Amino acid sequence: MHRLLTALGRGFKEKIGWKRLGIAASLLIIALAITHLLRTLKGVDTGVILTALTEIAPHRIALAALCVVGAFCTLTFYDFFALRTIGKNHVPYRIAAMSSFTSYTIGHNIGATVFTGGAIRFRIYSDYGLTAIDVAKICFLSGLTFWLGNLFVLGMGMAWHPEAASAMDLLPPAMNRLIAIGCLAGIVAYFVWLLMGKGRRELGQNGWKVVLPSARLTLLQVLIGVVDLGFCALAMYLLMPMTPYIDFVSLAVVFILATLLGFASHAPGSIGVFDAAMLVALPQFGREELLATLVVFRILYFLIPFGISIWIMGTRELWLSVLQPWLERRRLGEACTAKARVRPPINGRQS
């Protein structure tokens, strides 16, 4: 039996591999989501959507925008926490904030966040002496912050309102509650593992090693992820139609599950996947009203931050690659011209 499993594992790695399996899973998620979304959008009245957009109160949109700002402010601490964890204390907060914000918004909107976000981080942090391995550690620790926050909020929410996830995963509430307890138990087990000593907190081998945060710092790590998700879910909650009523915890569960599906798909901006998941999980709302909510949320959380990030990176590249070298050449040219104008003194003969 052991030989059979070993042979199957070797054959899987040689013939398929985890990378191809991940790509196939992403394409399957996208295909299913788009198929369901197209089926759902049949018969949708665009005029009703436009009317629903005008019915969202301006003050609720403003409050949702403030929540999005709060979410992205919290997001800046993902990289800042990771930098301090790996000992790169010389990188200031403003650089960590710029890297975290631009890598997330550009990477998530373009797709393949691991590669695009990592490339943006390396472009920024290389100016401060960080290597590709350092950037890989930052990506790993930032991802850990995201997943710890997701698992904690999802575990708490599904334990409290397990039926909220049933419309999406088609599992009975009792099974969803067991999954929630499993998520929370996993986080507790992770903390216990961290408390067992610093030696156990070191992951990796050879040139790639990262020391995980201590249990006390991991509490802060979880808090960062929870606050980030809380702001995002609250922004969506503020944009939801007033009727029928839905409580915040139930919406947060649906929102996180839809977000995770979007991340798993690697689709640009989770387009189609996130929206289809929300429509599936919230059938009690009118399609047009819910689509109007999703449109406004996408503008606030995806389009506007994406435009700001493009402007930030474009301005930075223009300064570093064009203006700064031009100013340096101009300064050197002026210095050479000034030196050429200074004539050396003529030493006359003494009679």
Protein backbone atom coordinates (compact mmCIF):
# COMPACT_ATOMS: atom_id res chain seq x y z
CA MET A 1 0.00 0.00 0.00
CA HIS A 2 2.82 2.38 0.90
CA ARG A 3 4.59 1.64 -2.41
CA LEU A 4 1.35 2.26 -4.30
CA LEU A 5 0.79 5.62 -2.62
CA THR A 6 4.42 6.59 -3.21
CA ALA A 7 4.15 5.67 -6.89
CA LEU A 8 0.89 7.60 -7.24
CA GLY A 9 2.43 10.63 -5.55
CA ARG A 10 5.48 10.51 -7.82
CA GLY A 11 3.29 10.12 -10.89
CA PHE A 12 1.12 13.05 -9.81
CA LYS A 13 4.15 15.33 -9.42
CA GLU A 14 5.67 14.26 -12.74
CA LYS A 15 2.51 14.21 -14.89
CA ILE A 16 0.31 16.88 -13.29
CA GLY A 17 1.90 18.81 -10.42
CA TRP A 18 0.34 21.19 -7.92
CA LYS A 19 0.83 24.19 -10.21
CA ARG A 20 -1.25 22.69 -13.03
CA LEU A 21 -3.85 21.49 -10.55
CA GLY A 22 -4.12 25.01 -9.10
CA ILE A 23 -4.53 26.52 -12.57
CA ALA A 24 -7.20 23.96 -13.42
CA ALA A 25 -9.06 24.66 -10.17
CA SER A 26 -8.94 28.42 -10.82
CA LEU A 27 -10.27 28.00 -14.36
CA LEU A 28 -13.03 25.71 -13.08
CA ILE A 29 -14.11 28.24 -10.43
CA ILE A 30 -14.14 31.05 -13.00
CA ALA A 31 -16.09 28.97 -15.53
CA LEU A 32 -18.73 27.90 -13.00
CA ALA A 33 -19.04 31.45 -11.64
CA ILE A 34 -19.43 33.05 -15.08
CA THR A 35 -21.94 30.39 -16.15
CA HIS A 36 -24.06 30.99 -13.06
CA LEU A 37 -23.69 34.76 -13.36
CA LEU A 38 -24.87 34.76 -16.96
CA ARG A 39 -27.80 32.54 -16.02
CA THR A 40 -28.67 34.86 -13.13
CA LEU A 41 -28.43 38.01 -15.24
CA LYS A 42 -30.97 36.76 -17.76
CA GLY A 43 -34.05 38.96 -17.59
CA VAL A 44 -32.36 41.59 -15.43
CA ASP A 45 -33.70 45.06 -16.16
CA THR A 46 -30.85 47.59 -16.46
CA GLY A 47 -33.33 50.39 -15.87
CA VAL A 48 -34.19 48.91 -12.48
CA ILE A 49 -30.45 48.69 -11.67
CA LEU A 50 -30.00 52.37 -12.48
CA THR A 51 -33.01 53.21 -10.31
CA ALA A 52 -31.60 51.10 -7.48
CA LEU A 53 -28.30 52.97 -7.77
CA THR A 54 -30.06 56.30 -7.22
CA GLU A 55 -31.91 54.86 -4.22
CA ILE A 56 -28.71 54.19 -2.26
CA ALA A 57 -28.52 57.09 0.19
CA PRO A 58 -25.50 59.39 -0.37
CA HIS A 59 -24.61 59.33 3.34
CA ARG A 60 -24.45 55.52 3.25
CA ILE A 61 -22.12 55.66 0.26
CA ALA A 62 -19.97 58.20 2.14
CA LEU A 63 -19.84 55.98 5.24
CA ALA A 64 -18.98 52.97 3.07
CA ALA A 65 -16.18 54.99 1.45
CA LEU A 66 -14.81 55.82 4.92
CA CYS A 67 -14.88 52.10 5.78
CA VAL A 68 -12.92 51.35 2.59
CA VAL A 69 -10.36 53.99 3.60
CA GLY A 70 -10.16 52.33 7.03
CA ALA A 71 -9.67 48.92 5.40
CA PHE A 72 -6.79 50.13 3.23
CA CYS A 73 -5.20 51.98 6.16
CA THR A 74 -5.28 48.69 8.07
CA LEU A 75 -3.92 46.90 5.01
CA THR A 76 -0.75 49.00 5.18
CA PHE A 77 0.17 47.25 8.42
CA TYR A 78 0.37 43.88 6.63
CA ASP A 79 3.76 44.76 5.15
CA PHE A 80 4.86 46.88 8.10
CA PHE A 81 4.28 43.95 10.47
CA ALA A 82 6.09 41.56 8.10
CA LEU A 83 9.07 43.90 7.77
CA ARG A 84 9.48 44.17 11.53
CA THR A 85 9.09 40.40 11.87
CA ILE A 86 12.01 39.67 9.51
CA GLY A 87 14.13 42.39 11.10
CA LYS A 88 14.08 44.99 8.31
CA ASN A 89 13.54 47.88 10.70
CA HIS A 90 15.24 50.45 8.45
CA VAL A 91 12.31 50.47 6.00
CA PRO A 92 10.00 53.31 7.10
CA TYR A 93 6.25 52.96 7.50
CA ARG A 94 5.48 55.19 4.50
CA ILE A 95 7.35 52.81 2.18
CA ALA A 96 5.66 49.77 3.73
CA ALA A 97 2.28 51.48 3.34
CA MET A 98 2.93 52.34 -0.31
CA SER A 99 4.13 48.82 -1.07
CA SER A 100 1.25 47.11 0.70
CA PHE A 101 -1.39 49.35 -0.88
CA THR A 102 -0.10 49.30 -4.45
CA SER A 103 0.86 45.60 -4.53
CA TYR A 104 -2.57 44.55 -3.25
CA THR A 105 -4.73 46.83 -5.38
CA ILE A 106 -2.78 46.40 -8.62
CA GLY A 107 -2.13 42.70 -8.07
CA HIS A 108 -5.72 41.90 -7.16
CA ASN A 109 -7.18 43.91 -10.03
CA ILE A 110 -4.81 42.49 -12.65
CA GLY A 111 -4.92 38.94 -11.30
CA ALA A 112 -2.26 36.37 -10.30
CA THR A 113 -1.65 38.36 -7.12
CA VAL A 114 1.30 36.24 -6.01
CA PHE A 115 3.35 37.24 -9.07
CA THR A 116 2.15 40.78 -9.77
CA GLY A 117 2.09 41.79 -6.10
CA GLY A 118 5.50 40.24 -5.51
CA ALA A 119 6.99 42.08 -8.50
CA ILE A 120 5.69 45.44 -7.25
CA ARG A 121 7.01 44.77 -3.74
CA PHE A 122 10.44 43.85 -5.12
CA ARG A 123 10.54 47.02 -7.25
CA ILE A 124 9.91 49.14 -4.16
CA TYR A 125 11.89 47.28 -1.51
CA SER A 126 14.98 46.69 -3.67
CA ASP A 127 15.77 50.40 -3.25
CA TYR A 128 16.18 49.63 0.47
CA GLY A 129 18.50 46.68 0.00
CA LEU A 130 15.95 43.90 0.30
CA THR A 131 16.49 40.76 -1.76
CA ALA A 132 14.01 38.53 -3.57
CA ILE A 133 14.11 36.15 -0.59
CA ASP A 134 13.20 39.02 1.77
CA VAL A 135 10.26 39.94 -0.48
CA ALA A 136 9.14 36.29 -0.53
CA LYS A 137 9.15 36.31 3.29
CA ILE A 138 7.09 39.51 3.33
CA CYS A 139 4.56 37.98 0.91
CA PHE A 140 4.35 34.85 3.06
CA LEU A 141 3.82 36.74 6.34
CA SER A 142 1.31 39.14 4.75
CA GLY A 143 -0.62 36.18 3.38
CA LEU A 144 -0.52 34.56 6.82
CA THR A 145 -2.03 37.72 8.32
CA PHE A 146 -4.81 37.64 5.73
CA TRP A 147 -5.64 33.97 6.28
CA LEU A 148 -5.50 34.12 10.07
CA GLY A 149 -7.94 37.03 10.05
CA ASN A 150 -10.22 35.27 7.56
CA LEU A 151 -10.28 31.99 9.46
CA PHE A 152 -10.98 33.72 12.77
CA VAL A 153 -13.82 35.92 11.49
CA LEU A 154 -15.27 33.11 9.37
CA GLY A 155 -15.06 30.66 12.28
CA MET A 156 -16.77 33.04 14.69
CA GLY A 157 -19.43 34.02 12.16
CA MET A 158 -20.26 30.50 11.02
CA ALA A 159 -20.37 29.25 14.61
CA TRP A 160 -22.87 32.00 15.42
CA HIS A 161 -24.88 31.93 12.16
CA PRO A 162 -24.06 28.66 10.38
CA GLU A 163 -27.10 28.95 8.14
CA ALA A 164 -25.59 32.04 6.49
CA ALA A 165 -23.11 29.85 4.61
CA SER A 166 -25.60 27.13 3.69
CA ALA A 167 -26.90 28.92 0.60
CA MET A 168 -23.36 29.01 -0.80
CA ASP A 169 -21.79 25.71 0.25
CA LEU A 170 -25.11 23.75 0.27
CA LEU A 171 -24.18 22.13 3.58
CA PRO A 172 -26.55 21.79 6.56
CA PRO A 173 -26.07 24.37 9.34
CA ALA A 174 -24.80 21.69 11.73
CA MET A 175 -21.99 20.82 9.31
CA ASN A 176 -21.12 24.50 8.84
CA ARG A 177 -20.90 24.92 12.60
CA LEU A 178 -18.50 21.97 12.78
CA ILE A 179 -16.37 23.58 10.07
CA ALA A 180 -16.39 26.82 12.06
CA ILE A 181 -15.30 25.04 15.21
CA GLY A 182 -12.56 23.35 13.17
CA CYS A 183 -11.31 26.76 11.96
CA LEU A 184 -11.19 28.13 15.49
CA ALA A 185 -9.59 24.94 16.80
CA GLY A 186 -6.93 25.24 14.09
CA ILE A 187 -6.09 28.77 15.21
CA VAL A 188 -5.88 27.64 18.85
CA ALA A 189 -3.62 24.75 17.85
CA TYR A 190 -1.41 27.19 15.92
CA PHE A 191 -1.03 29.36 19.03
CA VAL A 192 -0.18 26.32 21.15
CA TRP A 193 2.44 25.31 18.58
CA LEU A 194 3.96 28.80 18.72
CA LEU A 195 4.14 28.66 22.51
CA MET A 196 6.21 25.47 22.40
CA GLY A 197 9.42 27.34 21.64
CA LYS A 198 11.26 29.57 19.18
CA GLY A 199 12.88 26.61 17.45
CA ARG A 200 9.48 25.41 16.29
CA ARG A 201 8.68 28.84 14.86
CA GLU A 202 11.38 28.60 12.18
CA LEU A 203 10.18 27.49 8.76
CA GLY A 204 12.15 26.77 5.61
CA GLN A 205 15.57 25.41 4.87
CA ASN A 206 18.89 26.30 3.23
CA GLY A 207 18.76 29.93 2.07
CA TRP A 208 15.06 30.45 2.74
CA LYS A 209 14.16 30.58 6.42
CA VAL A 210 11.56 32.68 8.17
CA VAL A 211 10.92 32.93 11.89
CA LEU A 212 7.21 33.23 12.64
CA PRO A 213 6.00 35.87 15.10
CA SER A 214 5.65 34.90 18.74
CA ALA A 215 2.23 33.99 20.13
CA ARG A 216 1.80 37.50 21.56
CA LEU A 217 2.67 39.16 18.25
CA THR A 218 0.44 36.69 16.41
CA LEU A 219 -2.47 38.09 18.41
CA LEU A 220 -1.65 41.46 16.86
CA GLN A 221 -1.36 39.78 13.47
CA VAL A 222 -4.83 38.28 13.82
CA LEU A 223 -6.20 41.64 14.98
CA ILE A 224 -4.84 43.36 11.85
CA GLY A 225 -6.59 40.83 9.63
CA VAL A 226 -9.84 41.02 11.62
CA VAL A 227 -10.00 44.84 11.53
CA ASP A 228 -9.28 44.84 7.78
CA LEU A 229 -12.07 42.35 7.08
CA GLY A 230 -14.41 44.11 9.49
CA PHE A 231 -14.07 47.40 7.60
CA CYS A 232 -14.63 45.66 4.24
CA ALA A 233 -17.70 43.77 5.42
CA LEU A 234 -19.11 46.91 7.04
CA ALA A 235 -18.69 48.82 3.77
CA MET A 236 -20.72 46.16 1.98
CA TYR A 237 -23.31 46.11 4.78
CA LEU A 238 -23.84 49.87 4.52
CA LEU A 239 -24.53 49.57 0.78
CA MET A 240 -27.03 46.71 1.08
CA PRO A 241 -30.74 47.36 0.40
CA MET A 242 -32.71 48.24 3.53
CA THR A 243 -35.21 45.42 2.92
CA PRO A 244 -35.26 42.54 3.52
CA TYR A 245 -33.29 42.76 6.76
CA ILE A 246 -29.99 40.92 7.14
CA ASP A 247 -27.78 41.07 10.22
CA PHE A 248 -24.14 42.10 9.99
CA VAL A 249 -22.68 38.72 11.05
CA SER A 250 -24.61 36.81 8.37
CA LEU A 251 -23.52 39.25 5.69
CA ALA A 252 -19.91 39.11 6.93
CA VAL A 253 -19.92 35.30 6.56
CA VAL A 254 -21.26 35.54 3.00
CA PHE A 255 -18.85 38.35 2.15
CA ILE A 256 -15.77 36.44 3.40
CA LEU A 257 -16.75 33.24 1.58
CA ALA A 258 -17.28 35.20 -1.65
CA THR A 259 -13.94 36.96 -1.14
CA LEU A 260 -12.10 33.68 -0.61
CA LEU A 261 -13.66 32.21 -3.75
CA GLY A 262 -12.53 35.29 -5.66
CA PHE A 263 -8.99 34.89 -4.36
CA ALA A 264 -8.95 31.20 -5.21
CA SER A 265 -10.00 31.94 -8.78
CA HIS A 266 -7.13 34.43 -9.37
CA ALA A 267 -9.53 36.25 -11.70
CA PRO A 268 -8.74 39.95 -12.20
CA GLY A 269 -10.60 41.79 -9.46
CA SER A 270 -12.42 38.53 -8.66
CA ILE A 271 -14.71 39.66 -11.46
CA GLY A 272 -17.67 37.37 -11.93
CA VAL A 273 -16.67 35.00 -9.11
CA PHE A 274 -17.26 37.36 -6.18
CA ASP A 275 -20.43 38.74 -7.74
CA ALA A 276 -21.88 35.32 -8.56
CA ALA A 277 -21.15 34.08 -5.03
CA MET A 278 -22.93 37.06 -3.49
CA LEU A 279 -25.95 36.57 -5.77
CA VAL A 280 -26.10 32.86 -4.91
CA ALA A 281 -25.79 33.36 -1.16
CA LEU A 282 -28.33 36.21 -0.93
CA PRO A 283 -31.36 35.07 -2.95
CA GLN A 284 -33.74 36.99 -0.67
CA PHE A 285 -32.66 40.28 -2.27
CA GLY A 286 -33.81 41.47 -5.67
CA ARG A 287 -31.18 40.85 -8.34
CA GLU A 288 -31.23 44.42 -9.60
CA GLU A 289 -30.89 45.92 -6.10
CA LEU A 290 -28.04 43.58 -5.19
CA LEU A 291 -26.26 44.24 -8.48
CA ALA A 292 -26.49 47.97 -7.78
CA THR A 293 -24.85 47.38 -4.40
CA LEU A 294 -22.07 45.33 -6.02
CA VAL A 295 -21.45 48.04 -8.64
CA VAL A 296 -21.01 50.73 -5.99
CA PHE A 297 -18.80 48.45 -3.86
CA ARG A 298 -16.60 47.67 -6.86
CA ILE A 299 -16.18 51.36 -7.61
CA LEU A 300 -15.22 52.14 -4.01
CA TYR A 301 -13.07 49.11 -3.25
CA PHE A 302 -11.61 48.14 -6.63
CA LEU A 303 -11.68 50.89 -9.27
CA ILE A 304 -10.81 54.00 -7.24
CA PRO A 305 -7.92 52.37 -5.26
CA PHE A 306 -6.66 50.80 -8.50
CA GLY A 307 -6.55 54.20 -10.20
CA ILE A 308 -4.77 55.74 -7.20
CA SER A 309 -2.20 52.92 -7.17
CA ILE A 310 -1.50 53.29 -10.89
CA TRP A 311 -0.99 57.03 -10.36
CA ILE A 312 1.36 56.43 -7.39
CA MET A 313 3.49 53.85 -9.20
CA GLY A 314 3.48 55.84 -12.45
CA THR A 315 4.59 59.02 -10.67
CA ARG A 316 7.26 57.10 -8.75
CA GLU A 317 8.65 55.47 -11.89
CA LEU A 318 8.61 58.81 -13.74
CA TRP A 319 10.60 60.40 -10.91
CA LEU A 320 13.10 57.56 -10.49
CA SER A 321 13.61 56.66 -14.16
CA VAL A 322 13.23 60.00 -15.94
CA LEU A 323 13.24 63.13 -13.80
CA GLN A 324 15.87 62.15 -11.23
CA PRO A 325 18.46 61.03 -13.85
CA TRP A 326 17.74 64.16 -15.90
CA LEU A 327 18.23 66.41 -12.88
CA GLU A 328 21.45 64.57 -12.02
CA ARG A 329 22.81 65.01 -15.57
CA ARG A 330 21.81 68.67 -15.50
CA ARG A 331 23.57 69.22 -12.17
CA LEU A 332 26.75 67.54 -13.44
CA GLY A 333 26.61 69.57 -16.67
CA GLU A 334 26.28 72.83 -14.75
CA ALA A 335 29.14 71.83 -12.47
CA CYS A 336 31.41 71.09 -15.46
CA THR A 337 30.46 74.37 -17.13
CA ALA A 338 31.20 76.33 -13.96
CA LYS A 339 34.58 74.61 -13.60
CA ALA A 340 35.50 75.38 -17.22
CA ARG A 341 34.78 79.08 -16.70
CA VAL A 342 37.22 79.31 -13.81
CA ARG A 343 40.64 80.10 -15.30
CA PRO A 344 43.80 79.11 -13.46
CA PRO A 345 46.01 82.04 -12.32
CA ILE A 346 49.01 82.96 -14.56
CA ASN A 347 52.34 82.91 -12.74
CA GLY A 348 54.51 85.75 -14.08
CA ARG A 349 58.36 85.73 -14.16
CA GLN A 350 60.20 87.52 -11.44
CA SER A 351 62.63 90.10 -12.82
